[in-house]
Amino acid sequence: MTSNKDDLVLNGIHNPNISHVLHPLTIRHLAREWLKEDTPNFDYGGFVVGEKEETAVLLMKSAGVLAGRPFFDAIFKELDCTVMWENVLEGSFNEPIKTVATVSGKVRQILLGERVALNIITRASGIASAAHRLRKMVQKLGWTGQVAGTRKTTPGFRLVEKYALLVGGVSTHRYDLSSMIMLKDNHIWTAGSITQAVKDAHVVGGFSTKIEVECRSIEDAEEAASAGCDVIMLDNFSPEAIPKAAAMLKEKFPKLIVEVSGGITEDNIAQYCDKNVDIISLSRLTQGYDTLDFSLKVRKEGIDPRNLPVKL
């Protein structure tokens, strides 16, 4: 059972193909590196099974949002295997114990890609599912701002994690240090003041790069906005302090983007959904998420792979 249309809406677009943001050469490079890392020399298990043609079934064992298909496909394409997806879309919500794809090819090749592909899709789907839950939660509250991830990602795995956020329907925030200028406490202390830090950032950022300043007090926020930054992050403000601070900033600087961050979780995010807050960012989406359970089982006549125990 897949979700209804509303579960596949991103920025007003129904059933968007989010994978079009991914560069095919980048995906290919990552797939090759992941496969080389997992089998750096001899394929001992491959010797045992040989190159008989087989088909394996990909089972989604947990309820949640499917994410990571482009990476899954790329891994098996490198191994000359064919992936056929069932009637499931990237970003769709699925019930557990569901066959979502089959992988066909030489059994040695299927097993070379099995764990690598599962590692990707379990994590990507876990992030997308968490993002999906948060998006639905704030929408039910009538809040119209954006939930965002942070740059607290896994080294070497950032592309998958940021992509999974998009699939789940939330913002990626900045992708890396080159995406936006964010001035944090260490930048400000080193530069001497918020005003000086923003002034220096304008020199290199020009007109095309937004400047965000992390602020610990309303006085810091006023100084940053007066200095000409585009985004204010109210960092570690209490939920009780947010409405007053955000309202004051919006009244004084109507075009200012107000973000809140720090200590926000799925349990307390509702307390930060103020009408004057534009962005709520949290690291839990890429640091504390639960993975979804998938398994890949070689199909055998007379055996239903859904009844087999899962060995992860």
Protein backbone atom coordinates (compact mmCIF):
# COMPACT_ATOMS: atom_id res chain seq x y z
CA MET A 1 0.00 0.00 0.00
CA THR A 2 1.49 3.34 -1.01
CA SER A 3 0.49 6.71 0.31
CA ASN A 4 -1.97 9.11 -1.20
CA LYS A 5 -0.90 12.02 -3.37
CA ASP A 6 -0.44 14.39 -0.44
CA ASP A 7 2.48 12.31 0.79
CA LEU A 8 4.30 12.95 -2.48
CA VAL A 9 4.13 16.72 -2.63
CA LEU A 10 7.25 18.85 -2.43
CA ASN A 11 7.01 22.63 -2.74
CA GLY A 12 3.61 22.31 -4.41
CA ILE A 13 4.76 19.81 -7.04
CA HIS A 14 3.03 16.41 -7.12
CA ASN A 15 5.28 13.35 -7.49
CA PRO A 16 8.47 15.28 -8.35
CA ASN A 17 11.45 13.26 -9.54
CA ILE A 18 13.86 14.43 -6.86
CA SER A 19 16.63 12.25 -8.31
CA HIS A 20 17.11 14.83 -11.07
CA VAL A 21 19.15 16.91 -8.61
CA LEU A 22 21.83 14.18 -8.63
CA HIS A 23 24.69 14.27 -11.13
CA PRO A 24 24.96 10.85 -12.82
CA LEU A 25 28.77 10.90 -12.80
CA THR A 26 28.82 11.66 -9.08
CA ILE A 27 26.48 8.75 -8.34
CA ARG A 28 28.61 6.44 -10.47
CA HIS A 29 31.79 7.54 -8.69
CA LEU A 30 30.24 6.98 -5.26
CA ALA A 31 28.92 3.55 -6.24
CA ARG A 32 32.38 2.47 -7.41
CA GLU A 33 34.09 3.77 -4.28
CA TRP A 34 31.57 2.06 -1.99
CA LEU A 35 31.98 -1.24 -3.84
CA LYS A 36 35.79 -1.01 -3.78
CA GLU A 37 35.73 -0.28 -0.06
CA ASP A 38 33.57 -3.33 0.65
CA THR A 39 35.67 -5.72 -1.46
CA PRO A 40 39.22 -4.33 -1.59
CA ASN A 41 40.80 -7.59 -2.85
CA PHE A 42 39.53 -11.20 -3.07
CA ASP A 43 35.82 -12.00 -3.33
CA TYR A 44 35.92 -15.24 -1.34
CA GLY A 45 32.15 -15.66 -1.14
CA GLY A 46 31.89 -15.09 -4.87
CA PHE A 47 34.06 -18.15 -5.46
CA VAL A 48 31.54 -20.24 -3.55
CA VAL A 49 28.45 -19.14 -5.48
CA GLY A 50 29.88 -18.61 -8.98
CA GLU A 51 28.16 -16.80 -11.84
CA LYS A 52 24.83 -18.57 -12.16
CA GLU A 53 22.01 -16.23 -13.21
CA GLU A 54 19.68 -15.52 -10.30
CA THR A 55 17.01 -13.06 -9.18
CA ALA A 56 16.88 -11.53 -5.70
CA VAL A 57 13.89 -9.87 -4.07
CA LEU A 58 14.21 -6.56 -2.20
CA LEU A 59 11.84 -6.58 0.78
CA MET A 60 10.86 -3.47 2.73
CA LYS A 61 10.45 -4.83 6.26
CA SER A 62 9.57 -1.53 8.01
CA ALA A 63 6.81 0.96 7.35
CA GLY A 64 8.18 4.21 6.05
CA VAL A 65 9.28 6.35 3.14
CA LEU A 66 11.30 4.73 0.37
CA ALA A 67 14.44 6.70 -0.49
CA GLY A 68 17.77 5.97 -2.16
CA ARG A 69 16.68 4.32 -5.40
CA PRO A 70 19.22 6.16 -7.61
CA PHE A 71 22.10 4.96 -5.44
CA PHE A 72 20.72 1.42 -5.24
CA ASP A 73 20.40 1.36 -9.05
CA ALA A 74 23.92 2.74 -9.56
CA ILE A 75 25.50 0.09 -7.34
CA PHE A 76 23.96 -2.79 -9.28
CA LYS A 77 24.53 -1.11 -12.64
CA GLU A 78 28.27 -1.17 -11.87
CA LEU A 79 27.91 -4.92 -11.34
CA ASP A 80 26.01 -5.52 -14.61
CA CYS A 81 22.81 -6.39 -12.75
CA THR A 82 19.29 -5.25 -13.62
CA VAL A 83 16.99 -3.67 -11.04
CA MET A 84 13.24 -3.74 -11.65
CA TRP A 85 11.15 -1.68 -9.25
CA GLU A 86 7.59 -2.56 -8.36
CA ASN A 87 4.86 0.08 -8.38
CA VAL A 88 6.59 2.20 -5.74
CA LEU A 89 7.80 5.75 -6.18
CA GLU A 90 10.81 7.37 -4.60
CA GLY A 91 9.34 9.26 -1.64
CA SER A 92 6.27 7.05 -1.29
CA PHE A 93 5.15 5.77 2.08
CA ASN A 94 4.92 1.97 2.19
CA GLU A 95 3.63 -0.57 4.67
CA PRO A 96 6.02 -3.32 5.89
CA ILE A 97 6.60 -6.77 4.37
CA LYS A 98 6.41 -5.42 0.86
CA THR A 99 8.38 -6.46 -2.22
CA VAL A 100 9.65 -3.21 -3.71
CA ALA A 101 12.15 -4.44 -6.33
CA THR A 102 13.93 -7.40 -7.89
CA VAL A 103 17.60 -7.59 -8.82
CA SER A 104 18.69 -9.94 -11.62
CA GLY A 105 22.15 -10.95 -12.72
CA LYS A 106 25.04 -13.26 -11.92
CA VAL A 107 24.64 -14.33 -8.32
CA ARG A 108 28.25 -13.40 -7.49
CA GLN A 109 27.57 -9.87 -8.70
CA ILE A 110 24.28 -9.60 -6.80
CA LEU A 111 26.01 -10.57 -3.56
CA LEU A 112 28.85 -8.11 -4.19
CA GLY A 113 26.31 -5.31 -4.20
CA GLU A 114 23.89 -6.66 -1.59
CA ARG A 115 25.23 -5.17 1.64
CA VAL A 116 26.45 -1.95 0.04
CA ALA A 117 23.07 -1.26 -1.56
CA LEU A 118 21.17 -2.19 1.61
CA ASN A 119 23.39 0.08 3.71
CA ILE A 120 22.45 2.99 1.47
CA ILE A 121 18.72 2.39 1.16
CA THR A 122 18.15 1.61 4.87
CA ARG A 123 19.81 4.87 5.90
CA ALA A 124 18.34 7.05 3.16
CA SER A 125 14.86 5.70 3.87
CA GLY A 126 15.34 6.24 7.60
CA ILE A 127 16.21 9.91 7.08
CA ALA A 128 13.39 10.43 4.58
CA SER A 129 10.90 8.81 6.96
CA ALA A 130 11.96 11.04 9.87
CA ALA A 131 11.80 14.11 7.63
CA HIS A 132 8.36 13.06 6.37
CA ARG A 133 7.02 12.72 9.92
CA LEU A 134 8.25 16.17 10.90
CA ARG A 135 6.87 17.82 7.78
CA LYS A 136 3.44 16.30 8.33
CA MET A 137 3.56 17.25 12.00
CA VAL A 138 4.23 20.97 11.42
CA GLN A 139 1.75 21.10 8.55
CA LYS A 140 -1.01 19.83 10.84
CA LEU A 141 -0.20 22.71 13.17
CA GLY A 142 -0.74 25.16 10.32
CA TRP A 143 2.87 26.37 10.39
CA THR A 144 4.02 27.49 6.94
CA GLY A 145 7.79 27.72 7.42
CA GLN A 146 10.45 25.20 6.46
CA VAL A 147 11.96 22.36 8.47
CA ALA A 148 15.64 21.92 7.62
CA GLY A 149 18.51 19.55 8.30
CA THR A 150 21.96 20.84 9.23
CA ARG A 151 25.58 20.35 8.12
CA LYS A 152 26.01 17.72 10.83
CA THR A 153 26.33 14.94 8.30
CA THR A 154 28.49 11.82 7.93
CA PRO A 155 31.79 12.47 6.11
CA GLY A 156 31.65 10.81 2.70
CA PHE A 157 27.92 10.19 2.99
CA ARG A 158 26.62 13.76 2.85
CA LEU A 159 25.12 13.53 -0.63
CA VAL A 160 22.91 10.60 0.37
CA GLU A 161 21.82 12.25 3.62
CA LYS A 162 21.03 15.62 2.03
CA TYR A 163 19.22 13.92 -0.85
CA ALA A 164 17.14 11.87 1.61
CA LEU A 165 16.05 15.09 3.34
CA LEU A 166 14.68 16.34 0.03
CA VAL A 167 12.88 13.06 -0.60
CA GLY A 168 11.29 13.37 2.85
CA GLY A 169 10.02 16.83 1.97
CA VAL A 170 12.21 19.12 4.07
CA SER A 171 14.97 21.60 3.28
CA THR A 172 18.62 20.58 3.12
CA HIS A 173 19.81 23.91 4.56
CA ARG A 174 23.32 24.74 3.25
CA TYR A 175 25.04 21.81 1.61
CA ASP A 176 28.60 22.76 2.57
CA LEU A 177 30.78 25.73 3.52
CA SER A 178 30.62 27.03 -0.05
CA SER A 179 26.81 27.05 -0.23
CA MET A 180 26.12 29.97 2.09
CA ILE A 181 28.11 32.14 4.48
CA MET A 182 27.20 31.21 8.04
CA LEU A 183 29.00 33.24 10.71
CA LYS A 184 29.14 31.39 14.02
CA ASP A 185 30.66 32.27 17.38
CA ASN A 186 34.24 31.44 16.38
CA HIS A 187 34.02 33.62 13.27
CA ILE A 188 32.63 36.53 15.26
CA TRP A 189 35.12 36.27 18.11
CA THR A 190 38.00 36.13 15.65
CA ALA A 191 36.72 39.00 13.50
CA GLY A 192 36.16 41.18 16.58
CA SER A 193 32.44 41.86 16.23
CA ILE A 194 29.30 40.79 14.42
CA THR A 195 29.32 43.97 12.37
CA GLN A 196 32.90 43.45 11.22
CA ALA A 197 32.29 39.79 10.41
CA VAL A 198 29.26 40.62 8.25
CA LYS A 199 31.14 43.45 6.52
CA ASP A 200 34.03 41.14 5.65
CA ALA A 201 31.65 38.42 4.45
CA HIS A 202 30.01 40.86 2.03
CA VAL A 203 33.42 41.47 0.40
CA VAL A 204 33.77 37.86 -0.75
CA GLY A 205 30.11 36.82 -0.93
CA GLY A 206 29.00 39.66 -3.16
CA PHE A 207 25.35 39.87 -4.17
CA SER A 208 24.81 36.18 -4.89
CA THR A 209 25.56 34.53 -1.55
CA LYS A 210 23.32 34.81 1.50
CA ILE A 211 24.89 35.62 4.86
CA GLU A 212 23.53 34.04 8.05
CA VAL A 213 24.62 34.92 11.58
CA GLU A 214 24.26 32.67 14.60
CA CYS A 215 22.96 34.78 17.50
CA ARG A 216 22.78 33.94 21.19
CA SER A 217 20.82 37.05 22.23
CA ILE A 218 18.32 39.51 20.81
CA GLU A 219 21.02 42.20 20.95
CA ASP A 220 23.27 40.06 18.74
CA ALA A 221 20.39 39.52 16.34
CA GLU A 222 19.68 43.25 16.06
CA GLU A 223 23.34 44.01 15.39
CA ALA A 224 23.56 41.31 12.72
CA ALA A 225 20.40 42.48 10.97
CA SER A 226 21.54 46.10 11.09
CA ALA A 227 24.87 45.04 9.58
CA GLY A 228 23.04 43.64 6.56
CA CYS A 229 22.85 39.88 7.00
CA ASP A 230 20.08 37.95 5.25
CA VAL A 231 19.30 35.29 7.85
CA ILE A 232 19.33 35.35 11.64
CA MET A 233 19.68 32.09 13.54
CA LEU A 234 18.25 32.34 17.04
CA ASP A 235 20.50 29.70 18.57
CA ASN A 236 19.41 27.81 21.69
CA PHE A 237 16.64 30.27 22.53
CA SER A 238 13.98 28.81 24.79
CA PRO A 239 10.58 28.16 23.19
CA GLU A 240 9.13 30.87 25.45
CA ALA A 241 11.62 33.48 24.18
CA ILE A 242 11.14 32.74 20.47
CA PRO A 243 7.78 34.51 19.79
CA LYS A 244 8.88 37.85 21.27
CA ALA A 245 12.33 37.80 19.63
CA ALA A 246 11.03 36.76 16.20
CA ALA A 247 8.19 39.32 16.27
CA MET A 248 10.56 42.14 17.18
CA LEU A 249 12.98 41.23 14.39
CA LYS A 250 10.25 40.94 11.76
CA GLU A 251 8.75 44.28 12.77
CA LYS A 252 12.11 46.04 12.55
CA PHE A 253 13.51 44.10 9.56
CA PRO A 254 10.54 42.81 7.50
CA LYS A 255 12.70 41.08 4.85
CA LEU A 256 14.86 39.26 7.37
CA ILE A 257 14.70 35.45 7.41
CA VAL A 258 14.42 34.12 10.98
CA GLU A 259 15.70 30.64 11.79
CA VAL A 260 15.59 28.85 15.13
CA SER A 261 17.92 26.02 16.04
CA GLY A 262 19.44 24.22 19.00
CA GLY A 263 17.94 21.48 21.15
CA ILE A 264 15.01 20.89 18.80
CA THR A 265 13.64 17.36 18.49
CA GLU A 266 10.58 15.62 17.16
CA ASP A 267 9.11 15.78 20.67
CA ASN A 268 9.36 19.56 21.10
CA ILE A 269 9.36 20.98 17.56
CA ALA A 270 5.74 22.11 17.92
CA GLN A 271 6.85 24.63 20.56
CA TYR A 272 8.99 26.44 17.95
CA CYS A 273 6.35 26.77 15.23
CA ASP A 274 5.79 30.49 15.62
CA LYS A 275 4.25 32.54 12.81
CA ASN A 276 7.32 34.80 12.65
CA VAL A 277 9.76 31.90 12.38
CA ASP A 278 10.69 30.99 8.80
CA ILE A 279 13.01 28.00 9.38
CA ILE A 280 13.38 25.38 12.09
CA SER A 281 16.63 23.45 11.75
CA LEU A 282 17.67 20.37 13.68
CA SER A 283 20.55 17.92 13.53
CA ARG A 284 18.48 14.89 14.57
CA LEU A 285 17.47 14.31 10.96
CA THR A 286 21.03 13.34 10.00
CA GLN A 287 22.46 12.32 13.39
CA GLY A 288 19.81 10.52 15.40
CA TYR A 289 17.53 8.85 12.87
CA ASP A 290 16.40 5.23 12.91
CA THR A 291 17.17 3.15 9.83
CA LEU A 292 14.45 1.24 8.00
CA ASP A 293 14.69 -2.52 7.70
CA PHE A 294 15.25 -3.97 4.20
CA SER A 295 16.53 -7.35 3.06
CA LEU A 296 17.64 -8.79 -0.28
CA LYS A 297 16.92 -12.49 -0.73
CA VAL A 298 17.83 -14.70 -3.68
CA ARG A 299 14.56 -16.13 -4.96
CA LYS A 300 14.14 -19.92 -4.71
CA GLU A 301 11.26 -21.95 -6.10
CA GLY A 302 8.65 -22.84 -3.49
CA ILE A 303 10.07 -20.43 -0.88
CA ASP A 304 8.45 -17.10 -0.06
CA PRO A 305 11.33 -14.72 0.82
CA ARG A 306 9.00 -12.74 3.06
CA ASN A 307 8.95 -15.69 5.47
CA LEU A 308 12.73 -15.95 5.74
CA PRO A 309 14.52 -14.55 8.81
CA VAL A 310 16.39 -11.30 8.19
CA LYS A 311 20.14 -11.38 8.82
CA LEU A 312 21.64 -7.87 8.85
